[in-house]
C-alpha atoms as a PDB file:
ATOM      1  CA  MET A   1      -2.262   6.203   0.184  1.00  0.00           C
ATOM      2  CA  LEU A   2      -1.196   8.099   3.288  1.00  0.00           C
ATOM      3  CA  ASN A   3      -4.768   9.373   3.767  1.00  0.00           C
ATOM      4  CA  PHE A   4      -6.136   5.830   3.311  1.00  0.00           C
ATOM      5  CA  PHE A   5      -3.695   4.576   6.107  1.00  0.00           C
ATOM      6  CA  ILE A   6      -4.575   7.551   8.372  1.00  0.00           C
ATOM      7  CA  ASP A   7      -8.314   6.991   7.911  1.00  0.00           C
ATOM      8  CA  ASN A   8      -8.187   3.185   8.255  1.00  0.00           C
ATOM      9  CA  ASN A   9      -5.127   2.510  10.422  1.00  0.00           C
ATOM     10  CA  ASP A  10      -6.809   0.452  13.148  1.00  0.00           C
ATOM     11  CA  GLN A  11      -8.527  -1.767  10.540  1.00  0.00           C
ATOM     12  CA  ILE A  12      -5.313  -2.167   8.526  1.00  0.00           C
ATOM     13  CA  LEU A  13      -3.353  -3.054  11.603  1.00  0.00           C
ATOM     14  CA  ILE A  14      -5.808  -5.883  12.300  1.00  0.00           C
ATOM     15  CA  LEU A  15      -5.776  -7.129   8.623  1.00  0.00           C
ATOM     16  CA  ILE A  16      -1.933  -7.160   8.440  1.00  0.00           C
ATOM     17  CA  SER A  17      -1.564  -8.919  11.825  1.00  0.00           C
ATOM     18  CA  ASN A  18      -0.616 -12.653  11.980  1.00  0.00           C
ATOM     19  CA  ASN A  19      -4.353 -13.521  12.228  1.00  0.00           C
ATOM     20  CA  GLY A  20      -5.366 -11.101   9.446  1.00  0.00           C
ATOM     21  CA  ASP A  21      -5.479 -11.264   5.724  1.00  0.00           C
ATOM     22  CA  PRO A  22      -2.159 -12.741   4.588  1.00  0.00           C
ATOM     23  CA  VAL A  23      -2.359 -11.245   1.081  1.00  0.00           C
ATOM     24  CA  LEU A  24      -3.592  -7.733   1.869  1.00  0.00           C
ATOM     25  CA  GLN A  25      -0.074  -6.250   2.011  1.00  0.00           C
ATOM     26  CA  HIS A  26       0.787  -7.835  -1.326  1.00  0.00           C
ATOM     27  CA  LYS A  27      -2.408  -6.579  -2.900  1.00  0.00           C
ATOM     28  CA  MET A  28      -1.717  -3.070  -1.743  1.00  0.00           C
ATOM     29  CA  ILE A  29       1.875  -3.246  -3.178  1.00  0.00           C
ATOM     30  CA  ASP A  30       0.611  -4.623  -6.542  1.00  0.00           C
ATOM     31  CA  ALA A  31      -2.080  -1.895  -6.886  1.00  0.00           C
ATOM     32  CA  LEU A  32       0.425   0.910  -5.969  1.00  0.00           C
ATOM     33  CA  ALA A  33       3.083  -0.560  -8.359  1.00  0.00           C
ATOM     34  CA  ASP A  34       0.526  -0.461 -11.153  1.00  0.00           C
ATOM     35  CA  ARG A  35      -0.310   3.068 -10.291  1.00  0.00           C
ATOM     36  CA  LEU A  36       3.318   4.101 -10.185  1.00  0.00           C
ATOM     37  CA  HIS A  37       4.043   2.431 -13.528  1.00  0.00           C
ATOM     38  CA  ARG A  38       1.264   4.404 -15.112  1.00  0.00           C
ATOM     39  CA  LEU A  39       2.476   7.613 -13.419  1.00  0.00           C
ATOM     40  CA  PHE A  40       6.077   7.247 -14.586  1.00  0.00           C
ATOM     41  CA  THR A  41       4.965   6.379 -18.104  1.00  0.00           C
ATOM     42  CA  PHE A  42       2.729   9.434 -18.110  1.00  0.00           C
ATOM     43  CA  TYR A  43       5.566  11.789 -17.169  1.00  0.00           C
ATOM     44  CA  TYR A  44       7.910  10.291 -19.765  1.00  0.00           C
ATOM     45  CA  LYS A  45       5.224  10.772 -22.432  1.00  0.00           C
ATOM     46  CA  LEU A  46       4.697  14.300 -21.142  1.00  0.00           C
ATOM     47  CA  TYR A  47       8.303  15.181 -21.959  1.00  0.00           C
ATOM     48  CA  ASN A  48       8.348  13.088 -25.168  1.00  0.00           C
ATOM     49  CA  GLN A  49      10.924  10.703 -23.551  1.00  0.00           C
ATOM     50  CA  GLU A  50       8.945   7.419 -23.740  1.00  0.00           C
ATOM     51  CA  GLN A  51      11.548   5.964 -26.013  1.00  0.00           C
ATOM     52  CA  MET A  52      13.847   5.900 -22.938  1.00  0.00           C
ATOM     53  CA  LEU A  53      11.465   3.321 -21.450  1.00  0.00           C
ATOM     54  CA  SER A  54      11.091   1.150 -24.511  1.00  0.00           C
ATOM     55  CA  ASN A  55      14.201  -0.873 -23.798  1.00  0.00           C
ATOM     56  CA  HIS A  56      13.761  -0.870 -20.086  1.00  0.00           C
ATOM     57  CA  SER A  57      10.189  -2.155 -19.451  1.00  0.00           C
ATOM     58  CA  THR A  58      11.401  -4.847 -16.969  1.00  0.00           C
ATOM     59  CA  LYS A  59      13.607  -2.196 -15.104  1.00  0.00           C
ATOM     60  CA  LEU A  60      10.661   0.082 -14.936  1.00  0.00           C
ATOM     61  CA  SER A  61       8.304  -2.594 -13.512  1.00  0.00           C
ATOM     62  CA  PHE A  62      11.028  -3.603 -11.079  1.00  0.00           C
ATOM     63  CA  LEU A  63      11.452   0.052  -9.974  1.00  0.00           C
ATOM     64  CA  CYS A  64       7.711   0.534  -9.546  1.00  0.00           C
ATOM     65  CA  TYR A  65       7.358  -2.668  -7.496  1.00  0.00           C
ATOM     66  CA  ARG A  66      10.357  -1.719  -5.327  1.00  0.00           C
ATOM     67  CA  GLU A  67       9.004   1.770  -4.723  1.00  0.00           C
ATOM     68  CA  ALA A  68       5.496   0.446  -3.998  1.00  0.00           C
ATOM     69  CA  ASN A  69       6.983  -2.018  -1.467  1.00  0.00           C
ATOM     70  CA  ASP A  70       8.931   0.772   0.259  1.00  0.00           C
ATOM     71  CA  ILE A  71       5.869   3.045   0.485  1.00  0.00           C
ATOM     72  CA  VAL A  72       3.546   0.386   1.834  1.00  0.00           C
ATOM     73  CA  ASN A  73       6.086  -0.908   4.262  1.00  0.00           C
ATOM     74  CA  THR A  74       6.802   2.598   5.506  1.00  0.00           C
ATOM     75  CA  LEU A  75       3.133   3.151   6.171  1.00  0.00           C
ATOM     76  CA  ILE A  76       2.772  -0.258   7.797  1.00  0.00           C
ATOM     77  CA  TYR A  77       5.710   0.565  10.067  1.00  0.00           C
ATOM     78  CA  TRP A  78       3.985   3.889  10.937  1.00  0.00           C
ATOM     79  CA  ILE A  79       0.664   2.325  11.896  1.00  0.00           C
ATOM     80  CA  ARG A  80       2.427  -0.366  13.982  1.00  0.00           C
ATOM     81  CA  PHE A  81       4.290   2.355  15.904  1.00  0.00           C
ATOM     82  CA  LYS A  82       1.868   5.282  15.485  1.00  0.00           C
ATOM     83  CA  GLU A  83       2.191   6.084  19.222  1.00  0.00           C
ATOM     84  CA  GLN A  84       5.910   6.920  18.701  1.00  0.00           C
ATOM     85  CA  ILE A  85       5.894   8.152  15.072  1.00  0.00           C
ATOM     86  CA  THR A  86       3.878  11.145  14.101  1.00  0.00           C
ATOM     87  CA  VAL A  87       1.997  11.539  10.701  1.00  0.00           C
ATOM     88  CA  SER A  88       4.628  14.245   9.906  1.00  0.00           C
ATOM     89  CA  ASP A  89       7.408  11.733  10.445  1.00  0.00           C
ATOM     90  CA  ALA A  90       5.552   9.267   8.161  1.00  0.00           C
ATOM     91  CA  LYS A  91       5.206  11.987   5.465  1.00  0.00           C
ATOM     92  CA  ARG A  92       8.900  12.829   5.659  1.00  0.00           C
ATOM     93  CA  ALA A  93       9.812   9.144   5.327  1.00  0.00           C
ATOM     94  CA  LEU A  94       7.540   8.801   2.316  1.00  0.00           C
ATOM     95  CA  ILE A  95       9.063  11.886   0.717  1.00  0.00           C
ATOM     96  CA  ASP A  96      12.467  10.527   1.282  1.00  0.00           C
ATOM     97  CA  THR A  97      11.438   7.135  -0.254  1.00  0.00           C
ATOM     98  CA  LEU A  98      10.046   8.914  -3.346  1.00  0.00           C
ATOM     99  CA  THR A  99      12.621  11.568  -4.002  1.00  0.00           C
ATOM    100  CA  ARG A 100      15.815   9.802  -3.089  1.00  0.00           C
ATOM    101  CA  SER A 101      15.305   6.625  -4.987  1.00  0.00           C
ATOM    102  CA  SER A 102      12.784   6.431  -7.782  1.00  0.00           C
ATOM    103  CA  TYR A 103      13.281   9.992  -8.982  1.00  0.00           C
ATOM    104  CA  GLU A 104      17.048   9.701  -8.998  1.00  0.00           C
ATOM    105  CA  ILE A 105      16.939   6.381 -10.851  1.00  0.00           C
ATOM    106  CA  ALA A 106      14.154   7.216 -13.280  1.00  0.00           C
ATOM    107  CA  ALA A 107      15.382  10.739 -14.069  1.00  0.00           C
ATOM    108  CA  HIS A 108      18.642   9.388 -15.436  1.00  0.00           C
ATOM    109  CA  GLY A 109      17.148   6.799 -17.635  1.00  0.00           C
ATOM    110  CA  PHE A 110      18.076   3.839 -15.449  1.00  0.00           C
ATOM    111  CA  ASN A 111      21.777   4.393 -15.988  1.00  0.00           C
END
C-alpha cells in the first residue's frame, strides 16, 4: 500500500480532495480491511489457533476495519504533507500502527 501511495501520490491527492472521488478513501479502506482479515485468519490457521477466532468474527472484522482505516489515513496524511514528512517517517508511522495496535490485540485473543 505504501508503494502504491508513493507511486501515485499526486493522483491520489487529487482524487481525495474536496472535488475528487468521494468514495475512493472508503474503497481503499474496505479493500485493505478485507486483505487484513484474510491475513489474520491465515496466521491463526498457521498456528492452529483458528478456534480463537470462531467466537470473535465481529471483533476481528472491527479490528481489520479499524487498522485499515488507520493505515489509509496515515498514508493520506503523508501525501497531504509530503513536503514536511519523509517516506521514512510514513514507514515508521505505519509500523507503529501495525505493531502497537493490531498485533497486541490479536495476539492475546481479543482479551
